[in-house]
Amino acid sequence: MAVKSLEKSRRKKVLNELRIFHNLNHPNILKFFNWYETRNHLWIILEYCSGSDLLQLIEQDKKVPENVIKSFGIDLIKGLMYMHSKGIIYCDMKPSNVLINEYGNLKYGDFGLSKKIVDLI
């Protein structure tokens, strides 16, 4: 498990993220376990991804084999399709928000800017 510590000044973004996390259960989306609040911080307990994130992989390896890129693309599309089927728009797509688990599977993280379609109407 991983623990994400956020200052209470970011409460609105964190609560949005928690609300969205509660409705998601998919192999390409980071698993949410629980959250806690202390005097100065909000603490989120999440799945730990030992492979770091996609940005670090790109910076370290520079070139990634075609079959790996294809596998990553499939993971990203599956995750997006699942989110869209749940009425969620992922609004912060960038390599640093895509985590890699110990098996090389990609997982979306950081749902602070995400929106539910019903919120937009």
C-alpha atoms as a PDB file:
ATOM      1  CA  MET A   1       0.000   0.000   0.000  1.00  0.00           C
ATOM      2  CA  ALA A   2       0.971   3.617  -0.512  1.00  0.00           C
ATOM      3  CA  VAL A   3       0.018   6.659   1.534  1.00  0.00           C
ATOM      4  CA  LYS A   4      -0.616  10.002  -0.157  1.00  0.00           C
ATOM      5  CA  SER A   5      -0.435  13.004   2.173  1.00  0.00           C
ATOM      6  CA  LEU A   6      -2.130  16.231   1.120  1.00  0.00           C
ATOM      7  CA  GLU A   7      -2.546  19.549   2.876  1.00  0.00           C
ATOM      8  CA  LYS A   8      -6.059  20.439   3.937  1.00  0.00           C
ATOM      9  CA  SER A   9      -5.900  23.528   1.719  1.00  0.00           C
ATOM     10  CA  ARG A  10      -6.430  21.099  -1.186  1.00  0.00           C
ATOM     11  CA  ARG A  11      -9.539  19.620   0.461  1.00  0.00           C
ATOM     12  CA  LYS A  12     -11.948  20.334  -2.424  1.00  0.00           C
ATOM     13  CA  LYS A  13      -9.724  18.534  -4.956  1.00  0.00           C
ATOM     14  CA  VAL A  14      -9.104  15.641  -2.557  1.00  0.00           C
ATOM     15  CA  LEU A  15     -12.795  15.144  -1.792  1.00  0.00           C
ATOM     16  CA  ASN A  16     -13.549  15.116  -5.525  1.00  0.00           C
ATOM     17  CA  GLU A  17     -10.855  12.484  -5.997  1.00  0.00           C
ATOM     18  CA  LEU A  18     -12.221  10.363  -3.154  1.00  0.00           C
ATOM     19  CA  ARG A  19     -15.778  10.580  -4.469  1.00  0.00           C
ATOM     20  CA  ILE A  20     -14.630   9.330  -7.862  1.00  0.00           C
ATOM     21  CA  PHE A  21     -12.315   6.631  -6.453  1.00  0.00           C
ATOM     22  CA  HIS A  22     -15.228   5.116  -4.486  1.00  0.00           C
ATOM     23  CA  ASN A  23     -16.987   4.195  -7.742  1.00  0.00           C
ATOM     24  CA  LEU A  24     -14.044   2.627  -9.571  1.00  0.00           C
ATOM     25  CA  ASN A  25     -12.842  -0.974  -9.606  1.00  0.00           C
ATOM     26  CA  HIS A  26     -10.737  -1.877 -12.642  1.00  0.00           C
ATOM     27  CA  PRO A  27      -7.301  -3.454 -13.251  1.00  0.00           C
ATOM     28  CA  ASN A  28      -6.056  -0.275 -14.981  1.00  0.00           C
ATOM     29  CA  ILE A  29      -7.126   2.113 -12.220  1.00  0.00           C
ATOM     30  CA  LEU A  30      -5.262   2.531  -8.959  1.00  0.00           C
ATOM     31  CA  LYS A  31      -7.066   0.806  -6.108  1.00  0.00           C
ATOM     32  CA  PHE A  32      -8.356   3.052  -3.327  1.00  0.00           C
ATOM     33  CA  PHE A  33      -8.544   1.589   0.190  1.00  0.00           C
ATOM     34  CA  ASN A  34      -9.363   4.350   2.649  1.00  0.00           C
ATOM     35  CA  TRP A  35      -8.707   7.923   3.739  1.00  0.00           C
ATOM     36  CA  TYR A  36      -8.084   9.717   7.002  1.00  0.00           C
ATOM     37  CA  GLU A  37      -8.073  13.286   8.188  1.00  0.00           C
ATOM     38  CA  THR A  38      -5.767  14.802  10.791  1.00  0.00           C
ATOM     39  CA  ARG A  39      -5.443  18.386  11.969  1.00  0.00           C
ATOM     40  CA  ASN A  40      -3.289  19.531   9.036  1.00  0.00           C
ATOM     41  CA  HIS A  41      -3.472  16.783   6.404  1.00  0.00           C
ATOM     42  CA  LEU A  42      -5.667  14.419   4.456  1.00  0.00           C
ATOM     43  CA  TRP A  43      -4.226  10.924   4.046  1.00  0.00           C
ATOM     44  CA  ILE A  44      -5.252   8.596   1.226  1.00  0.00           C
ATOM     45  CA  ILE A  45      -4.394   4.885   1.330  1.00  0.00           C
ATOM     46  CA  LEU A  46      -3.865   3.504  -2.188  1.00  0.00           C
ATOM     47  CA  GLU A  47      -2.422   0.541  -4.003  1.00  0.00           C
ATOM     48  CA  TYR A  48       1.373   0.660  -4.256  1.00  0.00           C
ATOM     49  CA  CYS A  49       2.843   0.528  -7.764  1.00  0.00           C
ATOM     50  CA  SER A  50       6.500  -0.468  -7.557  1.00  0.00           C
ATOM     51  CA  GLY A  51       7.218   0.349 -11.212  1.00  0.00           C
ATOM     52  CA  SER A  52       7.026   4.110 -10.632  1.00  0.00           C
ATOM     53  CA  ASP A  53       5.227   6.116 -13.341  1.00  0.00           C
ATOM     54  CA  LEU A  54       5.217   6.422 -17.112  1.00  0.00           C
ATOM     55  CA  LEU A  55       7.157   9.710 -17.089  1.00  0.00           C
ATOM     56  CA  GLN A  56      10.115   8.165 -15.255  1.00  0.00           C
ATOM     57  CA  LEU A  57      10.100   5.183 -17.619  1.00  0.00           C
ATOM     58  CA  ILE A  58      10.204   7.480 -20.659  1.00  0.00           C
ATOM     59  CA  GLU A  59      12.988   9.608 -19.139  1.00  0.00           C
ATOM     60  CA  GLN A  60      15.091   6.585 -18.140  1.00  0.00           C
ATOM     61  CA  ASP A  61      14.660   4.312 -21.151  1.00  0.00           C
ATOM     62  CA  LYS A  62      14.291   6.901 -23.947  1.00  0.00           C
ATOM     63  CA  LYS A  63      13.150   4.102 -26.303  1.00  0.00           C
ATOM     64  CA  VAL A  64      10.532   1.512 -25.435  1.00  0.00           C
ATOM     65  CA  PRO A  65      10.023  -1.651 -27.536  1.00  0.00           C
ATOM     66  CA  GLU A  66       7.020  -1.592 -29.854  1.00  0.00           C
ATOM     67  CA  ASN A  67       5.331  -4.565 -28.162  1.00  0.00           C
ATOM     68  CA  VAL A  68       5.537  -2.764 -24.797  1.00  0.00           C
ATOM     69  CA  ILE A  69       4.061   0.408 -26.295  1.00  0.00           C
ATOM     70  CA  LYS A  70       1.206  -1.653 -27.743  1.00  0.00           C
ATOM     71  CA  SER A  71       0.554  -3.251 -24.343  1.00  0.00           C
ATOM     72  CA  PHE A  72       0.619   0.178 -22.666  1.00  0.00           C
ATOM     73  CA  GLY A  73      -1.819   1.541 -25.251  1.00  0.00           C
ATOM     74  CA  ILE A  74      -4.235  -1.314 -24.578  1.00  0.00           C
ATOM     75  CA  ASP A  75      -4.042  -0.687 -20.818  1.00  0.00           C
ATOM     76  CA  LEU A  76      -4.715   3.029 -21.298  1.00  0.00           C
ATOM     77  CA  ILE A  77      -7.679   2.439 -23.592  1.00  0.00           C
ATOM     78  CA  LYS A  78      -9.211  -0.193 -21.287  1.00  0.00           C
ATOM     79  CA  GLY A  79      -8.950   2.185 -18.329  1.00  0.00           C
ATOM     80  CA  LEU A  80     -10.482   5.095 -20.252  1.00  0.00           C
ATOM     81  CA  MET A  81     -13.302   2.955 -21.621  1.00  0.00           C
ATOM     82  CA  TYR A  82     -14.127   1.782 -18.103  1.00  0.00           C
ATOM     83  CA  MET A  83     -14.112   5.338 -16.730  1.00  0.00           C
ATOM     84  CA  HIS A  84     -16.319   6.561 -19.568  1.00  0.00           C
ATOM     85  CA  SER A  85     -18.739   3.664 -18.956  1.00  0.00           C
ATOM     86  CA  LYS A  86     -19.042   4.984 -15.383  1.00  0.00           C
ATOM     87  CA  GLY A  87     -19.628   8.555 -16.594  1.00  0.00           C
ATOM     88  CA  ILE A  88     -16.201   9.816 -15.533  1.00  0.00           C
ATOM     89  CA  ILE A  89     -13.988  12.110 -17.591  1.00  0.00           C
ATOM     90  CA  TYR A  90     -10.296  11.875 -16.692  1.00  0.00           C
ATOM     91  CA  CYS A  91      -9.063  15.463 -16.969  1.00  0.00           C
ATOM     92  CA  ASP A  92      -5.390  15.162 -16.048  1.00  0.00           C
ATOM     93  CA  MET A  93      -3.854  12.831 -18.630  1.00  0.00           C
ATOM     94  CA  LYS A  94      -0.078  13.036 -18.389  1.00  0.00           C
ATOM     95  CA  PRO A  95       2.687  10.433 -18.009  1.00  0.00           C
ATOM     96  CA  SER A  96       3.321  11.249 -14.338  1.00  0.00           C
ATOM     97  CA  ASN A  97      -0.295  10.307 -13.482  1.00  0.00           C
ATOM     98  CA  VAL A  98      -0.017   6.855 -15.072  1.00  0.00           C
ATOM     99  CA  LEU A  99       1.558   4.404 -12.642  1.00  0.00           C
ATOM    100  CA  ILE A 100       3.185   1.061 -13.424  1.00  0.00           C
ATOM    101  CA  ASN A 101       2.683  -1.944 -11.171  1.00  0.00           C
ATOM    102  CA  GLU A 102       5.139  -4.796 -10.573  1.00  0.00           C
ATOM    103  CA  TYR A 103       3.744  -6.701 -13.579  1.00  0.00           C
ATOM    104  CA  GLY A 104       4.207  -3.811 -16.017  1.00  0.00           C
ATOM    105  CA  ASN A 105       0.497  -2.922 -16.151  1.00  0.00           C
ATOM    106  CA  LEU A 106      -0.504   0.736 -16.333  1.00  0.00           C
ATOM    107  CA  LYS A 107      -2.893   2.250 -13.813  1.00  0.00           C
ATOM    108  CA  TYR A 108      -4.508   5.672 -13.827  1.00  0.00           C
ATOM    109  CA  GLY A 109      -3.987   7.683 -10.654  1.00  0.00           C
ATOM    110  CA  ASP A 110      -4.768  11.217  -9.456  1.00  0.00           C
ATOM    111  CA  PHE A 111      -8.450  11.817 -10.045  1.00  0.00           C
ATOM    112  CA  GLY A 112      -8.473  15.276  -8.429  1.00  0.00           C
ATOM    113  CA  LEU A 113      -9.422  17.053 -11.665  1.00  0.00           C
ATOM    114  CA  SER A 114     -11.733  14.320 -12.975  1.00  0.00           C
ATOM    115  CA  LYS A 115     -15.399  15.031 -13.533  1.00  0.00           C
ATOM    116  CA  LYS A 116     -18.554  12.978 -13.412  1.00  0.00           C
ATOM    117  CA  ILE A 117     -20.743  13.665 -16.401  1.00  0.00           C
ATOM    118  CA  VAL A 118     -23.722  14.414 -14.133  1.00  0.00           C
ATOM    119  CA  ASP A 119     -21.592  17.145 -12.502  1.00  0.00           C
ATOM    120  CA  LEU A 120     -21.263  18.862 -15.882  1.00  0.00           C
ATOM    121  CA  ILE A 121     -24.967  18.994 -16.680  1.00  0.00           C
END
